[in-house]
Amino acid sequence: MGTRVGKEQIKRENGYLYYLGKDGFIWKSPMKTNKKGKKAKVGTEKISRESGTMYYLDKAGYVCKAKMKNA
């Protein structure tokens, strides 16, 4: 579906949502079911953004990008 962008592997934790922040680093924020969690920066690798692409973590924990249809 997408292509790998990052070389850093990130270990996922249950109850968190992972995303690429405006600063270019991977962040985790707690879901509604996770009452004790706090927002925190996870990755140390900075990724440059491109317009019209979506960034996500794949099953292995690497950052990937995919082109969005309607962008």
Protein backbone atom coordinates (compact mmCIF):
# COMPACT_ATOMS: atom_id res chain seq x y z
CA MET A 1 0.00 0.00 0.00
CA GLY A 2 2.70 2.53 0.96
CA THR A 3 6.45 2.93 0.93
CA ARG A 4 8.74 2.98 3.93
CA VAL A 5 10.14 6.38 4.78
CA GLY A 6 11.86 5.95 8.14
CA LYS A 7 14.65 3.63 9.23
CA GLU A 8 13.78 3.70 12.92
CA GLN A 9 11.54 0.94 14.29
CA ILE A 10 9.02 2.05 16.91
CA LYS A 11 7.55 -0.32 19.46
CA ARG A 12 3.79 0.11 19.80
CA GLU A 13 1.92 0.14 23.12
CA ASN A 14 -1.76 -0.70 23.55
CA GLY A 15 -4.08 2.24 24.13
CA TYR A 16 -2.10 4.82 22.12
CA LEU A 17 -2.58 6.50 18.76
CA TYR A 18 0.62 7.16 16.76
CA TYR A 19 1.01 10.00 14.25
CA LEU A 20 3.56 12.23 12.54
CA GLY A 21 3.53 15.64 14.21
CA LYS A 22 4.06 19.05 12.64
CA ASP A 23 7.66 19.02 13.85
CA GLY A 24 8.44 15.87 11.83
CA PHE A 25 8.74 13.43 14.74
CA ILE A 26 6.47 10.51 15.69
CA TRP A 27 4.19 11.20 18.66
CA LYS A 28 1.87 9.00 20.71
CA SER A 29 -1.28 10.19 22.41
CA PRO A 30 -3.65 8.16 24.59
CA MET A 31 -7.00 6.96 23.31
CA LYS A 32 -10.19 7.49 25.32
CA THR A 33 -9.87 4.04 26.89
CA ASN A 34 -6.39 4.87 28.21
CA LYS A 35 -7.05 7.17 31.21
CA LYS A 36 -3.50 7.18 32.65
CA GLY A 37 -1.56 7.81 29.43
CA LYS A 38 0.20 11.03 28.46
CA LYS A 39 1.14 12.54 25.11
CA ALA A 40 4.84 12.00 24.33
CA LYS A 41 7.38 12.10 21.51
CA VAL A 42 8.42 8.57 20.57
CA GLY A 43 10.84 8.69 17.65
CA THR A 44 14.20 10.42 17.27
CA GLU A 45 14.23 10.41 13.47
CA LYS A 46 12.92 13.58 11.76
CA ILE A 47 10.81 12.98 8.65
CA SER A 48 10.09 15.68 6.10
CA ARG A 49 6.44 15.98 5.07
CA GLU A 50 5.07 16.15 1.55
CA SER A 51 1.68 17.56 0.67
CA GLY A 52 -0.94 15.07 -0.50
CA THR A 53 0.53 12.13 1.44
CA MET A 54 -0.60 10.28 4.55
CA TYR A 55 1.94 9.02 7.09
CA TYR A 56 1.38 6.00 9.35
CA LEU A 57 3.12 3.22 11.26
CA ASP A 58 2.99 -0.20 9.61
CA LYS A 59 2.69 -3.50 11.49
CA ALA A 60 6.47 -3.79 11.83
CA GLY A 61 6.70 -0.32 13.42
CA TYR A 62 8.27 1.65 10.57
CA VAL A 63 6.98 4.99 9.27
CA CYS A 64 5.38 4.67 5.83
CA LYS A 65 3.72 7.07 3.43
CA ALA A 66 0.88 6.65 0.96
CA LYS A 67 -0.51 9.05 -1.61
CA MET A 68 -4.02 10.25 -0.80
CA LYS A 69 -6.63 9.96 -3.56
CA ASN A 70 -8.39 13.31 -3.24
CA ALA A 71 -5.46 15.50 -2.25
